[in-house]
Amino acid sequence: MNLAAAARVAVVTGGAKGIGRSVCDRLAADGFLPVVWDLREGEGGHAFVACDVTDETQVVAALDRTEREHGPVAVLVNNAGLTGPSTTVADTPLAQWQTIQAVNLTGTFLCSRAVAAAMVPRGYGRIVNIASLAGKEGTPTLSAYSAAKAGVIALTKAHGKELAGTGVLVNAVAPAAIETELLQQMSAETVATMIGKSPLKRLGTVEELAELVAWLASEKCSFSTGAVFDLSGGRATY
């Protein structure tokens, strides 16, 4: 049996809106059945399983329900995340720091660990982590977010190497600022700084990001693992 063809379920965490919803729509166009793991159901009309990605028990239960109701998971897109408000390191409360790490980094770890354990025995899978250019450069006043996304990048590299040869590939996308509601959490000055750094002088779109995710989630992506793909409008030159 061609497992890549038989397993067409794509889990997208944080898929109720924004980048996640656009990724769901794009994967659906490629014939996948997107299953949204989120705290609340969105308006995209995709299959939905309630899940707090920071809770190990909920992640395990979400995977069990997803495979029981929809079939084996072929793709996991770890998209759930938040930036938090713009604060300097000196002014960042511990609770804010911990929440941002929990959603962006621990959530990616918990979902990756659970889903990879199901994928490996089947010999096929694609895991795509949504990182950020902030994880490479470090964005002032977004230290917690920058640190969490740097962790996602390192996790991607390590996990990809661990699973090499199993048929499960792990890659990440590191976008510059993408035009979503998430930017409303930041100050106008922070957003303006991000745009100013881009040679293209604009924000990226969710559709542009979804196109790259769709390739990484496909069988066409066959010789990349543990890699981080920039989507920066020309900002990243390394």
C-alpha atoms as a PDB file:
ATOM      1  CA  MET A   1       0.000   0.000   0.000  1.00  0.00           C
ATOM      2  CA  ASN A   2       1.231   3.504  -0.820  1.00  0.00           C
ATOM      3  CA  LEU A   3       1.128   5.068   2.637  1.00  0.00           C
ATOM      4  CA  ALA A   4       1.718   8.549   1.269  1.00  0.00           C
ATOM      5  CA  ALA A   5      -1.392   8.227  -0.873  1.00  0.00           C
ATOM      6  CA  ALA A   6      -3.510   6.407   1.707  1.00  0.00           C
ATOM      7  CA  ALA A   7      -2.815   8.717   4.627  1.00  0.00           C
ATOM      8  CA  ARG A   8      -4.201  12.115   3.656  1.00  0.00           C
ATOM      9  CA  VAL A   9      -5.039  13.594   7.042  1.00  0.00           C
ATOM     10  CA  ALA A  10      -3.200  16.836   7.819  1.00  0.00           C
ATOM     11  CA  VAL A  11      -3.298  18.159  11.380  1.00  0.00           C
ATOM     12  CA  VAL A  12      -2.841  21.924  11.648  1.00  0.00           C
ATOM     13  CA  THR A  13      -2.474  23.309  15.152  1.00  0.00           C
ATOM     14  CA  GLY A  14      -3.864  26.786  15.648  1.00  0.00           C
ATOM     15  CA  GLY A  15      -5.734  26.269  12.397  1.00  0.00           C
ATOM     16  CA  ALA A  16      -8.894  28.169  13.312  1.00  0.00           C
ATOM     17  CA  LYS A  17      -7.744  31.470  11.815  1.00  0.00           C
ATOM     18  CA  GLY A  18      -4.856  33.401  10.328  1.00  0.00           C
ATOM     19  CA  ILE A  19      -1.901  31.444   8.972  1.00  0.00           C
ATOM     20  CA  GLY A  20      -3.339  28.142  10.172  1.00  0.00           C
ATOM     21  CA  ARG A  21      -6.626  28.586   8.363  1.00  0.00           C
ATOM     22  CA  SER A  22      -4.849  29.550   5.148  1.00  0.00           C
ATOM     23  CA  VAL A  23      -2.654  26.460   5.447  1.00  0.00           C
ATOM     24  CA  CYS A  24      -5.747  24.298   5.922  1.00  0.00           C
ATOM     25  CA  ASP A  25      -7.350  25.758   2.802  1.00  0.00           C
ATOM     26  CA  ARG A  26      -4.192  25.224   0.768  1.00  0.00           C
ATOM     27  CA  LEU A  27      -3.705  21.625   1.932  1.00  0.00           C
ATOM     28  CA  ALA A  28      -7.355  20.887   1.181  1.00  0.00           C
ATOM     29  CA  ALA A  29      -6.716  22.045  -2.383  1.00  0.00           C
ATOM     30  CA  ASP A  30      -3.995  19.374  -2.587  1.00  0.00           C
ATOM     31  CA  GLY A  31      -6.417  16.663  -1.533  1.00  0.00           C
ATOM     32  CA  PHE A  32      -5.657  16.509   2.169  1.00  0.00           C
ATOM     33  CA  LEU A  33      -8.295  16.398   4.883  1.00  0.00           C
ATOM     34  CA  PRO A  34      -7.239  19.179   7.254  1.00  0.00           C
ATOM     35  CA  VAL A  35      -8.022  18.626  10.929  1.00  0.00           C
ATOM     36  CA  VAL A  36      -7.754  21.726  13.070  1.00  0.00           C
ATOM     37  CA  TRP A  37      -6.393  21.379  16.595  1.00  0.00           C
ATOM     38  CA  ASP A  38      -7.259  24.582  18.392  1.00  0.00           C
ATOM     39  CA  LEU A  39      -8.900  25.920  21.527  1.00  0.00           C
ATOM     40  CA  ARG A  40     -11.975  27.053  19.590  1.00  0.00           C
ATOM     41  CA  GLU A  41     -13.461  26.124  16.237  1.00  0.00           C
ATOM     42  CA  GLY A  42     -12.926  28.594  13.412  1.00  0.00           C
ATOM     43  CA  GLU A  43     -15.081  29.492  10.428  1.00  0.00           C
ATOM     44  CA  GLY A  44     -13.145  27.586   7.774  1.00  0.00           C
ATOM     45  CA  GLY A  45     -15.435  24.563   7.800  1.00  0.00           C
ATOM     46  CA  HIS A  46     -12.596  22.114   8.360  1.00  0.00           C
ATOM     47  CA  ALA A  47     -12.716  19.142  10.729  1.00  0.00           C
ATOM     48  CA  PHE A  48     -12.026  20.267  14.293  1.00  0.00           C
ATOM     49  CA  VAL A  49     -10.668  18.683  17.450  1.00  0.00           C
ATOM     50  CA  ALA A  50     -10.440  20.821  20.575  1.00  0.00           C
ATOM     51  CA  CYS A  51      -6.878  20.777  21.903  1.00  0.00           C
ATOM     52  CA  ASP A  52      -4.646  22.874  24.119  1.00  0.00           C
ATOM     53  CA  VAL A  53      -1.235  22.096  22.639  1.00  0.00           C
ATOM     54  CA  THR A  54       0.480  22.907  25.936  1.00  0.00           C
ATOM     55  CA  ASP A  55      -1.350  20.044  27.674  1.00  0.00           C
ATOM     56  CA  GLU A  56       0.228  16.615  27.131  1.00  0.00           C
ATOM     57  CA  THR A  57      -2.963  14.734  27.959  1.00  0.00           C
ATOM     58  CA  GLN A  58      -5.032  16.786  25.514  1.00  0.00           C
ATOM     59  CA  VAL A  59      -2.486  16.309  22.722  1.00  0.00           C
ATOM     60  CA  VAL A  60      -2.523  12.524  23.145  1.00  0.00           C
ATOM     61  CA  ALA A  61      -6.325  12.517  23.232  1.00  0.00           C
ATOM     62  CA  ALA A  62      -6.530  14.756  20.135  1.00  0.00           C
ATOM     63  CA  LEU A  63      -4.309  12.387  18.167  1.00  0.00           C
ATOM     64  CA  ASP A  64      -6.342   9.377  19.241  1.00  0.00           C
ATOM     65  CA  ARG A  65      -9.623  11.022  18.258  1.00  0.00           C
ATOM     66  CA  THR A  66      -8.235  12.319  14.958  1.00  0.00           C
ATOM     67  CA  GLU A  67      -6.970   8.918  13.820  1.00  0.00           C
ATOM     68  CA  ARG A  68     -10.076   7.142  15.067  1.00  0.00           C
ATOM     69  CA  GLU A  69     -12.479   9.487  13.278  1.00  0.00           C
ATOM     70  CA  HIS A  70     -10.507  10.517  10.198  1.00  0.00           C
ATOM     71  CA  GLY A  71      -7.641   8.075   9.635  1.00  0.00           C
ATOM     72  CA  PRO A  72      -3.849   8.068   9.930  1.00  0.00           C
ATOM     73  CA  VAL A  73      -2.130  11.433  10.116  1.00  0.00           C
ATOM     74  CA  ALA A  74       0.232  12.046   7.192  1.00  0.00           C
ATOM     75  CA  VAL A  75       1.064  15.691   7.921  1.00  0.00           C
ATOM     76  CA  LEU A  76       1.482  17.761  11.068  1.00  0.00           C
ATOM     77  CA  VAL A  77       1.824  21.533  10.802  1.00  0.00           C
ATOM     78  CA  ASN A  78       2.851  23.028  14.137  1.00  0.00           C
ATOM     79  CA  ASN A  79       1.410  26.492  13.691  1.00  0.00           C
ATOM     80  CA  ALA A  80      -0.133  27.358  17.081  1.00  0.00           C
ATOM     81  CA  GLY A  81       1.671  30.325  18.565  1.00  0.00           C
ATOM     82  CA  LEU A  82       1.517  33.796  20.017  1.00  0.00           C
ATOM     83  CA  THR A  83       3.936  36.693  20.206  1.00  0.00           C
ATOM     84  CA  GLY A  84       2.709  38.314  23.381  1.00  0.00           C
ATOM     85  CA  PRO A  85       2.885  42.088  23.922  1.00  0.00           C
ATOM     86  CA  SER A  86       5.977  44.109  23.040  1.00  0.00           C
ATOM     87  CA  THR A  87       8.075  44.383  26.207  1.00  0.00           C
ATOM     88  CA  THR A  88      11.775  44.658  26.915  1.00  0.00           C
ATOM     89  CA  VAL A  89      13.479  41.840  28.807  1.00  0.00           C
ATOM     90  CA  ALA A  90      13.511  44.045  31.895  1.00  0.00           C
ATOM     91  CA  ASP A  91       9.755  44.588  31.690  1.00  0.00           C
ATOM     92  CA  THR A  92       8.675  41.040  30.741  1.00  0.00           C
ATOM     93  CA  PRO A  93       6.767  39.308  33.561  1.00  0.00           C
ATOM     94  CA  LEU A  94       7.709  35.682  34.212  1.00  0.00           C
ATOM     95  CA  ALA A  95       4.139  34.520  33.546  1.00  0.00           C
ATOM     96  CA  GLN A  96       4.192  36.155  30.105  1.00  0.00           C
ATOM     97  CA  TRP A  97       7.537  34.514  29.307  1.00  0.00           C
ATOM     98  CA  GLN A  98       6.316  31.090  30.402  1.00  0.00           C
ATOM     99  CA  THR A  99       3.065  31.303  28.438  1.00  0.00           C
ATOM    100  CA  ILE A 100       4.881  32.213  25.229  1.00  0.00           C
ATOM    101  CA  GLN A 101       7.376  29.357  25.664  1.00  0.00           C
ATOM    102  CA  ALA A 102       4.560  26.925  26.459  1.00  0.00           C
ATOM    103  CA  VAL A 103       2.502  27.650  23.350  1.00  0.00           C
ATOM    104  CA  ASN A 104       5.257  28.170  20.779  1.00  0.00           C
ATOM    105  CA  LEU A 105       7.933  25.715  21.897  1.00  0.00           C
ATOM    106  CA  THR A 106       6.452  23.176  24.316  1.00  0.00           C
ATOM    107  CA  GLY A 107       3.342  22.836  22.145  1.00  0.00           C
ATOM    108  CA  THR A 108       5.487  22.096  19.106  1.00  0.00           C
ATOM    109  CA  PHE A 109       7.433  19.509  21.089  1.00  0.00           C
ATOM    110  CA  LEU A 110       4.368  17.752  22.490  1.00  0.00           C
ATOM    111  CA  CYS A 111       2.565  17.544  19.155  1.00  0.00           C
ATOM    112  CA  SER A 112       5.680  16.486  17.265  1.00  0.00           C
ATOM    113  CA  ARG A 113       6.512  13.767  19.781  1.00  0.00           C
ATOM    114  CA  ALA A 114       3.003  12.313  19.768  1.00  0.00           C
ATOM    115  CA  VAL A 115       2.384  12.448  16.017  1.00  0.00           C
ATOM    116  CA  ALA A 116       5.863  11.229  15.045  1.00  0.00           C
ATOM    117  CA  ALA A 117       5.363   8.154  17.244  1.00  0.00           C
ATOM    118  CA  ALA A 118       2.327   7.294  15.101  1.00  0.00           C
ATOM    119  CA  MET A 119       4.000   8.142  11.784  1.00  0.00           C
ATOM    120  CA  VAL A 120       7.280   6.243  12.180  1.00  0.00           C
ATOM    121  CA  PRO A 121       5.801   2.698  12.318  1.00  0.00           C
ATOM    122  CA  ARG A 122       3.896   3.507   9.108  1.00  0.00           C
ATOM    123  CA  GLY A 123       7.083   4.666   7.397  1.00  0.00           C
ATOM    124  CA  TYR A 124       5.750   8.002   6.187  1.00  0.00           C
ATOM    125  CA  GLY A 125       5.059  11.502   7.476  1.00  0.00           C
ATOM    126  CA  ARG A 126       5.739  15.195   7.075  1.00  0.00           C
ATOM    127  CA  ILE A 127       6.125  17.567  10.034  1.00  0.00           C
ATOM    128  CA  VAL A 128       6.288  21.281   9.263  1.00  0.00           C
ATOM    129  CA  ASN A 129       7.069  23.696  12.092  1.00  0.00           C
ATOM    130  CA  ILE A 130       6.217  27.382  11.794  1.00  0.00           C
ATOM    131  CA  ALA A 131       9.233  29.180  13.232  1.00  0.00           C
ATOM    132  CA  SER A 132      10.101  32.846  12.649  1.00  0.00           C
ATOM    133  CA  LEU A 133      12.917  35.040  11.481  1.00  0.00           C
ATOM    134  CA  ALA A 134      12.798  36.385  15.037  1.00  0.00           C
ATOM    135  CA  GLY A 135      14.246  33.042  16.098  1.00  0.00           C
ATOM    136  CA  LYS A 136      17.306  33.712  13.935  1.00  0.00           C
ATOM    137  CA  GLU A 137      17.792  37.436  14.449  1.00  0.00           C
ATOM    138  CA  GLY A 138      16.210  38.187  17.820  1.00  0.00           C
ATOM    139  CA  THR A 139      13.560  40.919  17.690  1.00  0.00           C
ATOM    140  CA  PRO A 140      13.873  43.700  20.282  1.00  0.00           C
ATOM    141  CA  THR A 141      10.879  43.852  22.673  1.00  0.00           C
ATOM    142  CA  LEU A 142       9.916  40.320  21.626  1.00  0.00           C
ATOM    143  CA  SER A 143      12.565  38.410  23.533  1.00  0.00           C
ATOM    144  CA  ALA A 144      10.263  35.628  24.738  1.00  0.00           C
ATOM    145  CA  TYR A 145       8.905  35.020  21.246  1.00  0.00           C
ATOM    146  CA  SER A 146      12.379  35.186  19.710  1.00  0.00           C
ATOM    147  CA  ALA A 147      13.721  32.674  22.227  1.00  0.00           C
ATOM    148  CA  ALA A 148      10.791  30.314  21.716  1.00  0.00           C
ATOM    149  CA  LYS A 149      11.125  30.364  17.923  1.00  0.00           C
ATOM    150  CA  ALA A 150      14.884  29.841  18.193  1.00  0.00           C
ATOM    151  CA  GLY A 151      13.976  26.748  20.171  1.00  0.00           C
ATOM    152  CA  VAL A 152      11.602  25.615  17.420  1.00  0.00           C
ATOM    153  CA  ILE A 153      14.417  25.977  14.885  1.00  0.00           C
ATOM    154  CA  ALA A 154      16.798  23.898  17.010  1.00  0.00           C
ATOM    155  CA  LEU A 155      14.094  21.307  17.694  1.00  0.00           C
ATOM    156  CA  THR A 156      13.449  21.017  13.954  1.00  0.00           C
ATOM    157  CA  LYS A 157      17.130  20.369  13.224  1.00  0.00           C
ATOM    158  CA  ALA A 158      17.502  17.782  15.978  1.00  0.00           C
ATOM    159  CA  HIS A 159      14.216  15.990  15.299  1.00  0.00           C
ATOM    160  CA  GLY A 160      14.849  15.883  11.548  1.00  0.00           C
ATOM    161  CA  LYS A 161      18.200  14.192  12.117  1.00  0.00           C
ATOM    162  CA  GLU A 162      16.714  11.726  14.594  1.00  0.00           C
ATOM    163  CA  LEU A 163      14.008  10.627  12.148  1.00  0.00           C
ATOM    164  CA  ALA A 164      16.168  10.574   9.017  1.00  0.00           C
ATOM    165  CA  GLY A 165      15.642   7.282   7.242  1.00  0.00           C
ATOM    166  CA  THR A 166      12.257   6.569   8.798  1.00  0.00           C
ATOM    167  CA  GLY A 167      10.231   8.164   6.004  1.00  0.00           C
ATOM    168  CA  VAL A 168       9.224  11.025   8.331  1.00  0.00           C
ATOM    169  CA  LEU A 169      10.688  14.403   7.376  1.00  0.00           C
ATOM    170  CA  VAL A 170      10.802  17.387   9.729  1.00  0.00           C
ATOM    171  CA  ASN A 171      11.302  20.906   8.371  1.00  0.00           C
ATOM    172  CA  ALA A 172      10.490  24.467   9.373  1.00  0.00           C
ATOM    173  CA  VAL A 173       9.548  27.763   7.799  1.00  0.00           C
ATOM    174  CA  ALA A 174      10.986  30.971   9.233  1.00  0.00           C
ATOM    175  CA  PRO A 175       8.864  33.843   7.948  1.00  0.00           C
ATOM    176  CA  ALA A 176       9.380  37.514   8.498  1.00  0.00           C
ATOM    177  CA  ALA A 177       6.279  39.414   9.600  1.00  0.00           C
ATOM    178  CA  ILE A 178       3.100  38.016   8.029  1.00  0.00           C
ATOM    179  CA  GLU A 179      -0.057  40.107   7.836  1.00  0.00           C
ATOM    180  CA  THR A 180      -2.365  38.489  10.401  1.00  0.00           C
ATOM    181  CA  GLU A 181      -4.271  39.387  13.566  1.00  0.00           C
ATOM    182  CA  LEU A 182      -1.189  38.280  15.497  1.00  0.00           C
ATOM    183  CA  LEU A 183       0.462  41.602  14.648  1.00  0.00           C
ATOM    184  CA  GLN A 184      -2.147  43.344  16.766  1.00  0.00           C
ATOM    185  CA  GLN A 185      -0.388  41.947  19.834  1.00  0.00           C
ATOM    186  CA  MET A 186       2.681  44.022  18.935  1.00  0.00           C
ATOM    187  CA  SER A 187       3.231  47.750  19.068  1.00  0.00           C
ATOM    188  CA  ALA A 188       2.956  49.765  15.847  1.00  0.00           C
ATOM    189  CA  GLU A 189       6.630  50.640  16.230  1.00  0.00           C
ATOM    190  CA  THR A 190       7.628  46.967  16.311  1.00  0.00           C
ATOM    191  CA  VAL A 191       5.636  46.213  13.154  1.00  0.00           C
ATOM    192  CA  ALA A 192       7.066  49.263  11.377  1.00  0.00           C
ATOM    193  CA  THR A 193      10.580  48.106  12.251  1.00  0.00           C
ATOM    194  CA  MET A 194       9.868  44.678  10.739  1.00  0.00           C
ATOM    195  CA  ILE A 195       8.581  46.189   7.494  1.00  0.00           C
ATOM    196  CA  GLY A 196      11.523  48.586   7.367  1.00  0.00           C
ATOM    197  CA  LYS A 197      13.993  45.695   7.428  1.00  0.00           C
ATOM    198  CA  SER A 198      12.441  44.050   4.368  1.00  0.00           C
ATOM    199  CA  PRO A 199      13.950  44.867   0.955  1.00  0.00           C
ATOM    200  CA  LEU A 200      10.457  44.283  -0.472  1.00  0.00           C
ATOM    201  CA  LYS A 201       9.103  46.840   2.043  1.00  0.00           C
ATOM    202  CA  ARG A 202       5.943  44.949   2.904  1.00  0.00           C
ATOM    203  CA  LEU A 203       4.503  42.228   5.080  1.00  0.00           C
ATOM    204  CA  GLY A 204       4.203  38.687   3.783  1.00  0.00           C
ATOM    205  CA  THR A 205       0.785  37.169   3.121  1.00  0.00           C
ATOM    206  CA  VAL A 206      -0.746  34.035   4.583  1.00  0.00           C
ATOM    207  CA  GLU A 207      -1.197  32.674   1.059  1.00  0.00           C
ATOM    208  CA  GLU A 208       2.534  32.987   0.329  1.00  0.00           C
ATOM    209  CA  LEU A 209       3.389  31.148   3.526  1.00  0.00           C
ATOM    210  CA  ALA A 210       0.789  28.453   2.863  1.00  0.00           C
ATOM    211  CA  GLU A 211       2.351  27.713  -0.545  1.00  0.00           C
ATOM    212  CA  LEU A 212       5.717  26.917   1.033  1.00  0.00           C
ATOM    213  CA  VAL A 213       4.104  24.820   3.755  1.00  0.00           C
ATOM    214  CA  ALA A 214       2.170  22.883   1.098  1.00  0.00           C
ATOM    215  CA  TRP A 215       5.384  21.879  -0.650  1.00  0.00           C
ATOM    216  CA  LEU A 216       7.066  20.824   2.596  1.00  0.00           C
ATOM    217  CA  ALA A 217       3.967  18.772   3.424  1.00  0.00           C
ATOM    218  CA  SER A 218       4.002  16.977   0.088  1.00  0.00           C
ATOM    219  CA  GLU A 219       5.708  13.913  -1.352  1.00  0.00           C
ATOM    220  CA  LYS A 220       7.615  16.284  -3.634  1.00  0.00           C
ATOM    221  CA  CYS A 221       9.643  17.303  -0.597  1.00  0.00           C
ATOM    222  CA  SER A 222      11.833  14.218  -0.357  1.00  0.00           C
ATOM    223  CA  PHE A 223      15.434  15.328   0.232  1.00  0.00           C
ATOM    224  CA  SER A 224      15.046  17.992   2.922  1.00  0.00           C
ATOM    225  CA  THR A 225      14.849  17.284   6.630  1.00  0.00           C
ATOM    226  CA  GLY A 226      15.983  19.244   9.637  1.00  0.00           C
ATOM    227  CA  ALA A 227      15.995  22.300   7.373  1.00  0.00           C
ATOM    228  CA  VAL A 228      14.715  25.840   7.907  1.00  0.00           C
ATOM    229  CA  PHE A 229      13.305  27.723   4.914  1.00  0.00           C
ATOM    230  CA  ASP A 230      13.248  31.508   5.078  1.00  0.00           C
ATOM    231  CA  LEU A 231      10.271  33.511   3.812  1.00  0.00           C
ATOM    232  CA  SER A 232      11.610  36.965   4.479  1.00  0.00           C
ATOM    233  CA  GLY A 233      11.016  39.278   1.544  1.00  0.00           C
ATOM    234  CA  GLY A 234      14.754  39.389   0.943  1.00  0.00           C
ATOM    235  CA  ARG A 235      15.556  40.274   4.550  1.00  0.00           C
ATOM    236  CA  ALA A 236      17.520  37.080   5.287  1.00  0.00           C
ATOM    237  CA  THR A 237      20.792  36.961   3.344  1.00  0.00           C
ATOM    238  CA  TYR A 238      22.540  34.130   5.195  1.00  0.00           C
END
